[in-house]
N, C-alpha and C. Protein backbone atom coordinates (compact mmCIF):
# COMPACT_ATOMS: atom_id res chain seq x y z
N UNK A 1 112.33 188.95 56.76
CA UNK A 1 112.61 189.03 58.15
C UNK A 1 113.28 190.29 58.25
N UNK A 2 112.80 191.12 59.29
CA UNK A 2 113.27 192.49 59.62
C UNK A 2 114.64 192.24 60.39
N UNK A 3 115.67 193.03 59.91
CA UNK A 3 117.06 193.02 60.55
C UNK A 3 117.17 194.25 61.42
N UNK A 4 117.57 194.05 62.62
CA UNK A 4 117.87 195.01 63.62
C UNK A 4 119.24 195.75 63.25
N UNK A 5 119.51 197.07 63.40
CA UNK A 5 120.78 197.62 63.05
C UNK A 5 121.77 197.00 64.01
N UNK A 6 122.95 196.91 63.38
CA UNK A 6 124.08 196.29 64.11
C UNK A 6 124.91 197.33 64.86
N UNK A 7 124.27 198.12 65.76
CA UNK A 7 124.93 199.19 66.37
C UNK A 7 124.38 199.26 67.76
N UNK A 8 125.03 199.82 68.74
CA UNK A 8 124.71 200.05 70.14
C UNK A 8 124.75 198.70 70.96
N UNK A 9 123.77 198.54 71.91
CA UNK A 9 123.79 197.36 72.79
C UNK A 9 123.56 196.13 72.09
N UNK A 10 122.78 196.17 70.83
CA UNK A 10 122.60 194.91 70.28
C UNK A 10 123.89 194.43 69.52
N UNK A 11 124.94 195.32 69.45
CA UNK A 11 126.15 194.92 68.87
C UNK A 11 127.16 194.07 69.80
N UNK A 12 126.63 194.08 71.19
CA UNK A 12 127.44 193.27 72.07
C UNK A 12 127.36 191.73 71.63
N UNK A 13 128.14 190.97 72.19
CA UNK A 13 128.00 189.46 71.89
C UNK A 13 126.58 188.95 72.14
N UNK A 14 126.20 189.25 73.48
CA UNK A 14 124.88 188.63 73.72
C UNK A 14 123.80 189.27 72.85
N UNK A 15 123.95 190.52 72.52
CA UNK A 15 122.87 191.10 71.61
C UNK A 15 123.01 190.36 70.25
N UNK A 16 124.24 190.22 69.73
CA UNK A 16 124.21 189.50 68.38
C UNK A 16 123.83 188.23 68.48
N UNK A 17 124.15 187.42 69.53
CA UNK A 17 123.57 186.09 69.68
C UNK A 17 122.14 185.92 69.72
N UNK A 18 121.54 186.89 70.44
CA UNK A 18 120.14 187.00 70.63
C UNK A 18 119.49 187.17 69.22
N UNK A 19 119.99 188.16 68.36
CA UNK A 19 119.45 188.31 67.01
C UNK A 19 119.74 187.03 66.16
N UNK A 20 120.84 186.49 66.31
CA UNK A 20 121.10 185.32 65.57
C UNK A 20 120.10 184.13 65.95
N UNK A 21 119.78 184.04 67.20
CA UNK A 21 118.79 183.10 67.64
C UNK A 21 117.48 183.27 66.96
N UNK A 22 117.15 184.58 66.64
CA UNK A 22 115.86 184.95 66.09
C UNK A 22 116.05 184.81 64.45
N UNK A 23 117.09 184.29 64.04
CA UNK A 23 117.23 184.10 62.61
C UNK A 23 118.11 185.12 61.88
N UNK A 24 118.64 186.11 62.53
CA UNK A 24 119.40 187.19 61.87
C UNK A 24 120.74 186.68 61.41
N UNK A 25 120.96 186.36 60.14
CA UNK A 25 122.30 185.96 59.73
C UNK A 25 123.19 187.12 59.77
N UNK A 26 122.78 188.28 59.46
CA UNK A 26 123.76 189.42 59.51
C UNK A 26 124.38 189.57 60.92
N UNK A 27 123.64 189.40 61.93
CA UNK A 27 124.14 189.51 63.31
C UNK A 27 125.14 188.39 63.52
N UNK A 28 124.83 187.08 63.02
CA UNK A 28 125.69 186.10 63.32
C UNK A 28 126.98 186.26 62.49
N UNK A 29 126.87 186.85 61.24
CA UNK A 29 128.05 187.03 60.58
C UNK A 29 129.01 188.09 61.19
N UNK A 30 128.43 189.05 61.94
CA UNK A 30 129.24 190.02 62.68
C UNK A 30 129.81 189.43 63.95
N UNK A 31 129.10 188.40 64.59
CA UNK A 31 129.71 187.67 65.64
C UNK A 31 130.81 186.87 65.21
N UNK A 32 130.74 186.06 64.01
CA UNK A 32 131.78 185.29 63.54
C UNK A 32 133.00 186.08 63.21
N UNK A 33 132.85 187.31 62.50
CA UNK A 33 133.93 188.08 62.22
C UNK A 33 134.65 188.59 63.49
N UNK A 34 134.01 188.86 64.48
CA UNK A 34 134.51 189.35 65.68
C UNK A 34 135.47 188.25 66.32
N UNK A 35 135.13 187.02 66.11
CA UNK A 35 135.75 185.96 66.97
C UNK A 35 136.47 184.92 66.05
N UNK A 36 136.25 184.92 64.89
CA UNK A 36 136.91 183.76 64.14
C UNK A 36 138.45 183.69 64.20
N UNK A 37 139.20 184.76 64.37
CA UNK A 37 140.59 184.75 64.43
C UNK A 37 141.08 184.06 65.74
N UNK A 38 140.59 184.42 66.84
CA UNK A 38 140.84 183.86 68.07
C UNK A 38 140.34 182.32 68.16
N UNK A 39 139.31 181.95 67.61
CA UNK A 39 138.88 180.56 67.54
C UNK A 39 139.87 179.73 66.75
N UNK A 40 140.22 180.29 65.55
CA UNK A 40 141.13 179.74 64.66
C UNK A 40 142.42 179.45 65.46
N UNK A 41 143.08 180.48 66.02
CA UNK A 41 144.33 180.34 66.74
C UNK A 41 144.24 179.25 67.73
N UNK A 42 143.09 179.11 68.49
CA UNK A 42 142.79 178.17 69.52
C UNK A 42 142.89 176.70 68.91
N UNK A 43 141.99 176.47 67.89
CA UNK A 43 141.95 175.21 67.34
C UNK A 43 143.14 174.83 66.70
N UNK A 44 143.84 175.78 66.02
CA UNK A 44 145.01 175.41 65.40
C UNK A 44 146.17 174.96 66.34
N UNK A 45 146.06 175.60 67.57
CA UNK A 45 147.11 175.31 68.57
C UNK A 45 146.88 173.84 69.11
N UNK A 46 145.59 173.49 68.96
CA UNK A 46 145.26 172.03 69.66
C UNK A 46 145.57 170.93 68.72
N UNK A 47 145.58 171.30 67.27
CA UNK A 47 145.83 170.26 66.29
C UNK A 47 146.94 170.72 65.26
N UNK A 48 147.80 169.74 65.02
CA UNK A 48 148.95 170.08 64.06
C UNK A 48 148.37 169.90 62.57
N UNK A 49 147.16 169.45 62.41
CA UNK A 49 146.61 169.16 61.17
C UNK A 49 145.70 170.46 60.69
N UNK A 50 146.10 171.22 59.74
CA UNK A 50 145.49 172.35 59.36
C UNK A 50 143.88 172.05 58.81
N UNK A 51 143.77 170.80 58.13
CA UNK A 51 142.41 170.37 57.72
C UNK A 51 141.53 170.01 58.95
N UNK A 52 142.17 169.49 60.00
CA UNK A 52 141.31 169.16 61.21
C UNK A 52 140.94 170.44 61.90
N UNK A 53 141.95 171.36 61.87
CA UNK A 53 141.63 172.74 62.58
C UNK A 53 140.44 173.37 61.80
N UNK A 54 140.58 173.35 60.54
CA UNK A 54 139.52 173.93 59.66
C UNK A 54 138.03 173.42 59.91
N UNK A 55 138.20 171.89 60.02
CA UNK A 55 136.81 171.30 60.40
C UNK A 55 136.32 171.67 61.80
N UNK A 56 137.25 171.85 62.75
CA UNK A 56 136.87 172.21 64.10
C UNK A 56 136.28 173.56 64.13
N UNK A 57 136.95 174.55 63.34
CA UNK A 57 136.57 175.82 63.22
C UNK A 57 135.07 175.92 62.73
N UNK A 58 134.74 175.26 61.60
CA UNK A 58 133.48 175.25 61.00
C UNK A 58 132.50 174.58 61.89
N UNK A 59 132.81 173.47 62.57
CA UNK A 59 131.98 172.82 63.54
C UNK A 59 131.58 173.80 64.66
N UNK A 60 132.54 174.49 65.13
CA UNK A 60 132.33 175.45 66.25
C UNK A 60 131.33 176.41 65.86
N UNK A 61 131.50 177.08 64.72
CA UNK A 61 130.44 178.21 64.30
C UNK A 61 129.04 177.54 64.00
N UNK A 62 129.11 176.32 63.36
CA UNK A 62 127.92 175.75 63.05
C UNK A 62 127.02 175.39 64.36
N UNK A 63 127.83 175.02 65.36
CA UNK A 63 127.17 174.67 66.78
C UNK A 63 126.75 175.91 67.44
N UNK A 64 127.41 177.03 67.26
CA UNK A 64 127.13 178.16 67.86
C UNK A 64 125.81 178.80 67.15
N UNK A 65 125.76 178.67 65.81
CA UNK A 65 124.58 179.17 65.15
C UNK A 65 123.34 178.34 65.61
N UNK A 66 123.47 177.01 65.77
CA UNK A 66 122.44 176.12 66.10
C UNK A 66 122.02 176.37 67.65
N UNK A 67 122.90 176.71 68.45
CA UNK A 67 122.69 176.95 69.85
C UNK A 67 122.70 178.45 70.31
N UNK A 68 122.57 179.30 69.40
CA UNK A 68 122.72 180.75 69.75
C UNK A 68 121.76 181.09 70.85
N UNK A 69 120.61 180.51 70.88
CA UNK A 69 119.68 180.82 71.91
C UNK A 69 119.99 180.25 73.37
N UNK A 70 121.05 179.27 73.25
CA UNK A 70 121.52 178.62 74.54
C UNK A 70 122.59 179.46 75.22
N UNK A 71 123.03 180.50 74.57
CA UNK A 71 124.22 181.18 75.25
C UNK A 71 123.61 182.08 76.28
N UNK A 72 124.06 181.79 77.56
CA UNK A 72 123.61 182.39 78.78
C UNK A 72 124.29 183.61 79.22
N UNK A 73 125.33 184.03 78.50
CA UNK A 73 126.18 185.16 78.79
C UNK A 73 127.29 185.04 79.85
N UNK A 74 127.55 183.76 80.23
CA UNK A 74 128.59 183.55 81.25
C UNK A 74 129.67 182.69 80.77
N UNK A 75 130.89 182.91 81.00
CA UNK A 75 131.57 184.07 81.47
C UNK A 75 131.63 185.01 80.30
N UNK A 76 131.92 184.47 79.07
CA UNK A 76 132.07 185.38 77.94
C UNK A 76 131.64 184.66 76.61
N UNK A 77 131.51 185.31 75.62
CA UNK A 77 131.04 184.72 74.39
C UNK A 77 132.27 183.97 73.74
N UNK A 78 133.46 184.55 74.03
CA UNK A 78 134.67 183.81 73.36
C UNK A 78 135.01 182.59 74.19
N UNK A 79 134.75 182.59 75.68
CA UNK A 79 134.90 181.39 76.33
C UNK A 79 133.88 180.46 75.88
N UNK A 80 132.69 180.78 75.71
CA UNK A 80 131.69 179.80 75.28
C UNK A 80 132.10 179.17 73.80
N UNK A 81 132.63 180.01 73.05
CA UNK A 81 133.12 179.48 71.64
C UNK A 81 134.30 178.49 71.90
N UNK A 82 135.18 178.93 72.80
CA UNK A 82 136.47 178.06 73.03
C UNK A 82 135.91 176.67 73.58
N UNK A 83 134.92 176.57 74.43
CA UNK A 83 134.31 175.39 74.90
C UNK A 83 133.87 174.50 73.75
N UNK A 84 133.09 175.12 72.92
CA UNK A 84 132.50 174.39 71.75
C UNK A 84 133.71 173.92 70.86
N UNK A 85 134.72 174.84 70.63
CA UNK A 85 135.83 174.46 69.79
C UNK A 85 136.65 173.35 70.38
N UNK A 86 136.88 173.41 71.69
CA UNK A 86 137.59 172.24 72.39
C UNK A 86 136.91 171.04 72.13
N UNK A 87 135.53 170.95 72.31
CA UNK A 87 134.83 169.75 72.16
C UNK A 87 134.89 169.24 70.66
N UNK A 88 134.91 170.17 69.74
CA UNK A 88 134.98 169.75 68.38
C UNK A 88 136.31 169.05 68.10
N UNK A 89 137.45 169.64 68.61
CA UNK A 89 138.73 169.03 68.42
C UNK A 89 138.86 167.69 69.13
N UNK A 90 138.31 167.59 70.33
CA UNK A 90 138.42 166.39 71.06
C UNK A 90 137.56 165.29 70.40
N UNK A 91 136.41 165.64 69.78
CA UNK A 91 135.58 164.67 69.12
C UNK A 91 136.49 164.09 67.93
N UNK A 92 137.40 164.77 67.32
CA UNK A 92 138.23 164.36 66.26
C UNK A 92 139.21 163.32 66.65
N UNK A 93 139.82 163.64 67.92
CA UNK A 93 141.02 162.96 68.34
C UNK A 93 140.89 162.06 69.54
N UNK A 94 139.98 162.20 70.33
CA UNK A 94 139.89 161.40 71.52
C UNK A 94 138.47 161.07 71.77
N UNK A 95 138.43 159.98 72.48
CA UNK A 95 137.07 159.39 73.08
C UNK A 95 136.56 160.29 74.09
N UNK A 96 137.38 160.63 75.24
CA UNK A 96 136.90 161.22 76.34
C UNK A 96 137.81 162.50 76.60
N UNK A 97 137.23 163.56 76.70
CA UNK A 97 137.95 164.79 77.01
C UNK A 97 138.36 164.70 78.62
N UNK A 98 139.53 165.32 78.86
CA UNK A 98 139.97 165.38 80.17
C UNK A 98 140.74 164.26 80.67
N UNK A 99 140.76 163.17 79.95
CA UNK A 99 141.61 162.00 80.40
C UNK A 99 143.02 162.18 79.81
N UNK A 100 143.96 162.13 80.92
CA UNK A 100 145.43 162.31 80.40
C UNK A 100 145.81 161.22 79.46
N UNK A 101 146.65 161.53 78.47
CA UNK A 101 147.11 160.54 77.53
C UNK A 101 148.17 159.60 78.18
N UNK A 102 148.91 160.20 79.14
CA UNK A 102 149.90 159.51 80.02
C UNK A 102 150.21 160.22 81.18
N UNK A 103 150.82 159.46 82.07
CA UNK A 103 151.20 160.15 83.39
C UNK A 103 152.62 160.07 83.63
N UNK A 104 153.11 161.25 83.99
CA UNK A 104 154.57 161.36 84.41
C UNK A 104 154.77 161.98 85.66
N UNK A 105 155.72 161.42 86.44
CA UNK A 105 155.80 162.14 87.74
C UNK A 105 156.39 163.38 87.75
N UNK A 106 156.07 164.29 88.67
CA UNK A 106 156.37 165.62 88.78
C UNK A 106 157.99 165.73 88.83
N UNK A 107 158.62 164.87 89.68
CA UNK A 107 160.04 164.76 89.67
C UNK A 107 160.66 164.61 88.29
N UNK A 108 160.17 163.65 87.57
CA UNK A 108 160.68 163.35 86.29
C UNK A 108 160.58 164.68 85.33
N UNK A 109 159.39 165.11 85.31
CA UNK A 109 159.07 166.37 84.55
C UNK A 109 160.07 167.52 84.98
N UNK A 110 160.19 167.66 86.27
CA UNK A 110 161.16 168.79 86.77
C UNK A 110 162.72 168.50 86.23
N UNK A 111 162.91 167.28 86.40
CA UNK A 111 164.33 167.08 85.94
C UNK A 111 164.57 167.32 84.39
N UNK A 112 163.58 166.92 83.65
CA UNK A 112 163.54 167.08 82.11
C UNK A 112 163.49 168.59 81.89
N UNK A 113 162.89 169.24 82.75
CA UNK A 113 162.73 170.75 82.47
C UNK A 113 164.01 171.43 82.88
N UNK A 114 164.81 170.83 83.58
CA UNK A 114 166.06 171.44 84.02
C UNK A 114 165.96 172.22 85.39
N UNK A 115 165.21 171.85 86.23
CA UNK A 115 165.12 172.37 87.56
C UNK A 115 166.55 172.43 88.05
N UNK A 116 167.00 173.65 88.46
CA UNK A 116 168.21 173.93 89.10
C UNK A 116 169.40 174.06 88.05
N UNK A 117 169.07 173.86 86.85
CA UNK A 117 170.03 174.02 85.79
C UNK A 117 170.18 175.47 85.38
N UNK A 118 171.48 176.03 85.13
CA UNK A 118 171.77 177.34 84.69
C UNK A 118 172.28 177.39 83.26
N UNK A 119 171.98 178.27 82.60
CA UNK A 119 170.95 179.29 82.58
C UNK A 119 169.61 178.59 82.25
N UNK A 120 168.53 179.29 82.76
CA UNK A 120 167.19 178.89 82.45
C UNK A 120 166.92 178.95 81.02
N UNK A 121 166.34 177.93 80.50
CA UNK A 121 166.17 177.94 78.96
C UNK A 121 165.46 179.10 78.38
N UNK A 122 164.44 179.64 79.09
CA UNK A 122 163.52 180.73 78.66
C UNK A 122 164.31 182.04 78.55
N UNK A 123 165.46 182.09 79.35
CA UNK A 123 166.34 183.35 79.48
C UNK A 123 167.19 183.37 78.23
N UNK A 124 167.54 182.27 77.69
CA UNK A 124 168.42 182.11 76.61
C UNK A 124 168.14 181.61 75.25
N UNK A 125 166.85 181.68 75.03
CA UNK A 125 166.22 181.28 73.71
C UNK A 125 166.80 182.05 72.67
N UNK A 126 167.36 181.37 71.55
CA UNK A 126 167.92 182.11 70.53
C UNK A 126 166.94 182.38 69.41
N UNK A 127 165.92 181.57 69.24
CA UNK A 127 164.89 181.78 68.08
C UNK A 127 163.46 181.32 68.52
N UNK A 128 162.63 182.08 68.03
CA UNK A 128 161.22 181.68 68.21
C UNK A 128 160.91 180.39 67.69
N UNK A 129 161.47 179.81 66.68
CA UNK A 129 161.32 178.55 66.10
C UNK A 129 161.37 177.51 67.18
N UNK A 130 162.28 177.65 68.17
CA UNK A 130 162.45 176.71 69.23
C UNK A 130 161.18 176.56 69.93
N UNK A 131 160.55 177.66 70.26
CA UNK A 131 159.36 177.67 70.97
C UNK A 131 158.31 177.07 70.26
N UNK A 132 158.03 177.44 69.00
CA UNK A 132 157.23 176.84 68.20
C UNK A 132 157.24 175.30 67.99
N UNK A 133 158.45 174.84 67.78
CA UNK A 133 158.83 173.38 67.66
C UNK A 133 158.38 172.70 69.06
N UNK A 134 158.81 173.36 70.15
CA UNK A 134 158.60 172.76 71.43
C UNK A 134 156.92 172.66 71.67
N UNK A 135 156.26 173.72 71.36
CA UNK A 135 154.72 173.69 71.54
C UNK A 135 154.09 172.63 70.67
N UNK A 136 154.63 172.49 69.38
CA UNK A 136 154.05 171.50 68.60
C UNK A 136 154.33 170.07 69.07
N UNK A 137 155.32 169.81 69.90
CA UNK A 137 155.60 168.43 70.38
C UNK A 137 154.79 168.11 71.59
N UNK A 138 153.98 169.01 72.17
CA UNK A 138 153.24 168.78 73.30
C UNK A 138 151.90 168.08 72.99
N UNK A 139 151.28 167.43 73.87
CA UNK A 139 150.09 166.79 73.74
C UNK A 139 148.92 167.84 73.46
N UNK A 140 147.81 167.47 73.03
CA UNK A 140 146.62 168.31 72.84
C UNK A 140 146.27 168.88 74.19
N UNK A 141 146.19 168.04 75.31
CA UNK A 141 145.85 168.67 76.68
C UNK A 141 146.82 169.76 77.09
N UNK A 142 148.13 169.49 76.83
CA UNK A 142 149.16 170.55 77.30
C UNK A 142 149.03 171.69 76.45
N UNK A 143 148.79 171.58 75.08
CA UNK A 143 148.77 172.81 74.18
C UNK A 143 147.42 173.67 74.63
N UNK A 144 146.50 172.96 74.82
CA UNK A 144 145.23 173.78 75.13
C UNK A 144 145.35 174.60 76.45
N UNK A 145 145.86 173.96 77.49
CA UNK A 145 145.99 174.60 78.71
C UNK A 145 146.97 175.87 78.58
N UNK A 146 148.01 175.60 77.97
CA UNK A 146 149.01 176.64 77.75
C UNK A 146 148.49 177.75 76.76
N UNK A 147 147.68 177.45 75.78
CA UNK A 147 147.18 178.49 74.90
C UNK A 147 146.18 179.32 75.67
N UNK A 148 145.32 178.58 76.48
CA UNK A 148 144.29 179.43 77.11
C UNK A 148 144.95 180.38 78.13
N UNK A 149 145.83 180.00 79.00
CA UNK A 149 146.50 180.62 79.93
C UNK A 149 147.44 181.65 79.45
N UNK A 150 148.44 181.18 78.76
CA UNK A 150 149.54 182.00 78.26
C UNK A 150 149.33 182.88 77.15
N UNK A 151 148.70 182.26 76.17
CA UNK A 151 148.55 183.14 74.98
C UNK A 151 147.13 183.88 74.80
N UNK A 152 146.11 183.31 75.33
CA UNK A 152 144.85 184.05 75.27
C UNK A 152 144.63 184.84 76.54
N UNK A 153 145.41 184.52 77.71
CA UNK A 153 145.28 185.28 78.80
C UNK A 153 144.13 185.06 79.71
N UNK A 154 143.49 183.97 79.58
CA UNK A 154 142.32 183.55 80.36
C UNK A 154 142.83 183.47 82.01
N UNK A 155 142.08 183.67 82.83
CA UNK A 155 142.39 183.63 84.24
C UNK A 155 142.36 182.08 84.54
N UNK A 156 142.97 181.75 85.79
CA UNK A 156 142.95 180.38 86.15
C UNK A 156 141.49 179.82 86.20
N UNK A 157 140.61 180.69 86.77
CA UNK A 157 139.28 180.12 86.95
C UNK A 157 138.54 180.08 85.58
N UNK A 158 138.82 180.91 84.56
CA UNK A 158 138.31 180.82 83.32
C UNK A 158 138.86 179.50 82.63
N UNK A 159 140.07 179.28 82.78
CA UNK A 159 140.66 178.01 82.15
C UNK A 159 140.09 176.86 82.72
N UNK A 160 139.85 176.90 84.02
CA UNK A 160 139.29 175.67 84.70
C UNK A 160 137.77 175.38 84.11
N UNK A 161 136.94 176.53 84.10
CA UNK A 161 135.73 176.45 83.44
C UNK A 161 135.81 175.82 82.03
N UNK A 162 136.72 176.42 81.20
CA UNK A 162 136.73 176.07 79.86
C UNK A 162 137.03 174.58 79.74
N UNK A 163 137.90 174.12 80.51
CA UNK A 163 138.40 172.71 80.38
C UNK A 163 137.61 171.67 81.34
N UNK A 164 136.58 172.26 81.97
CA UNK A 164 135.67 171.52 82.95
C UNK A 164 136.55 170.79 83.92
N UNK A 165 137.33 171.49 84.63
CA UNK A 165 138.23 171.11 85.63
C UNK A 165 138.10 171.89 86.93
N UNK A 166 138.26 171.17 88.02
CA UNK A 166 138.37 171.94 89.30
C UNK A 166 139.68 172.85 89.22
N UNK A 167 139.75 173.79 90.03
CA UNK A 167 140.81 174.66 90.11
C UNK A 167 142.20 173.94 90.42
N UNK A 168 142.17 173.10 91.38
CA UNK A 168 143.42 172.31 91.72
C UNK A 168 143.83 171.48 90.58
N UNK A 169 142.99 170.72 89.90
CA UNK A 169 143.26 169.93 88.78
C UNK A 169 143.81 170.87 87.67
N UNK A 170 143.25 172.00 87.43
CA UNK A 170 143.86 172.95 86.44
C UNK A 170 145.17 173.37 86.69
N UNK A 171 145.46 173.73 87.90
CA UNK A 171 146.78 174.19 88.35
C UNK A 171 147.78 173.14 88.16
N UNK A 172 147.43 171.91 88.47
CA UNK A 172 148.34 170.73 88.22
C UNK A 172 148.63 170.48 86.81
N UNK A 173 147.58 170.57 86.03
CA UNK A 173 147.75 170.41 84.60
C UNK A 173 148.51 171.47 83.86
N UNK A 174 148.27 172.67 84.38
CA UNK A 174 149.10 173.84 83.79
C UNK A 174 150.54 173.64 84.17
N UNK A 175 150.78 173.44 85.46
CA UNK A 175 152.22 173.14 86.01
C UNK A 175 152.98 172.22 85.22
N UNK A 176 152.26 171.01 84.94
CA UNK A 176 152.92 169.90 84.24
C UNK A 176 153.11 170.37 82.75
N UNK A 177 152.11 171.03 82.21
CA UNK A 177 152.25 171.45 80.83
C UNK A 177 153.41 172.39 80.66
N UNK A 178 153.56 173.33 81.63
CA UNK A 178 154.64 174.27 81.65
C UNK A 178 156.00 173.44 81.65
N UNK A 179 156.08 172.50 82.54
CA UNK A 179 157.37 171.71 82.68
C UNK A 179 157.57 170.92 81.44
N UNK A 180 156.57 170.29 80.82
CA UNK A 180 156.89 169.64 79.53
C UNK A 180 157.38 170.57 78.56
N UNK A 181 156.75 171.67 78.38
CA UNK A 181 157.05 172.75 77.33
C UNK A 181 158.61 173.15 77.62
N UNK A 182 158.98 173.55 78.80
CA UNK A 182 160.31 173.84 79.00
C UNK A 182 161.27 172.79 78.76
N UNK A 183 160.88 171.56 79.09
CA UNK A 183 161.72 170.46 78.67
C UNK A 183 161.93 170.30 77.39
N UNK A 184 160.86 170.52 76.42
CA UNK A 184 160.95 170.42 75.00
C UNK A 184 161.82 171.57 74.51
N UNK A 185 161.63 172.79 75.08
CA UNK A 185 162.45 174.05 74.73
C UNK A 185 163.98 173.70 74.95
N UNK A 186 164.22 173.10 76.13
CA UNK A 186 165.56 172.80 76.40
C UNK A 186 166.22 171.74 75.50
N UNK A 187 165.33 170.76 75.07
CA UNK A 187 165.70 169.76 74.04
C UNK A 187 166.02 170.59 72.69
N UNK A 188 165.16 171.40 72.33
CA UNK A 188 165.42 172.13 71.08
C UNK A 188 166.61 173.04 71.21
N UNK A 189 166.74 173.74 72.29
CA UNK A 189 167.83 174.69 72.49
C UNK A 189 169.24 173.96 72.44
N UNK A 190 169.21 172.72 73.05
CA UNK A 190 170.37 171.93 73.17
C UNK A 190 170.58 170.85 72.07
N UNK A 191 169.71 171.02 71.07
CA UNK A 191 169.91 170.22 69.77
C UNK A 191 169.49 168.78 70.10
N UNK A 192 168.59 168.49 71.07
CA UNK A 192 168.28 167.02 71.29
C UNK A 192 167.07 166.75 70.50
């Protein structure tokens, strides 16, 4: 098989995926190298089990290889990979994606997050470990929405598309996830 050079417009994600769809493993290797760290961070943030994260990472790129011709270019290759990765993680841990594990009232979440309490926990964090422990205590759904929005910098619209939610549902999930996170940080900060 003839390999195209990995330079210029063919070096774009759509170009690399088009070459991969034609069977060019070098192009797909370049695509994987470009995105593997971000996908790893994403799947690792969704699962506490490194082996499960590794399985999801491998499944993500195997699926991407098999479906390279299905990439339509919207909205981005990384977003496309995150969708595949999210489904890979959910297949490991849940029957149906998008279904909340439990429901908590907004008032209860606000109280646990310390609405009105001074000082605000994010202003007084003593150690990054508190944040890591608080994030680890969140549900898969809470971690994924926070990672997409707060760590990876996706827009609200991109997050909604990634999670297959409407914008109002995404905003609600994000708000609740932030409150749960703050509540866990407060618990860590105050030694609970």
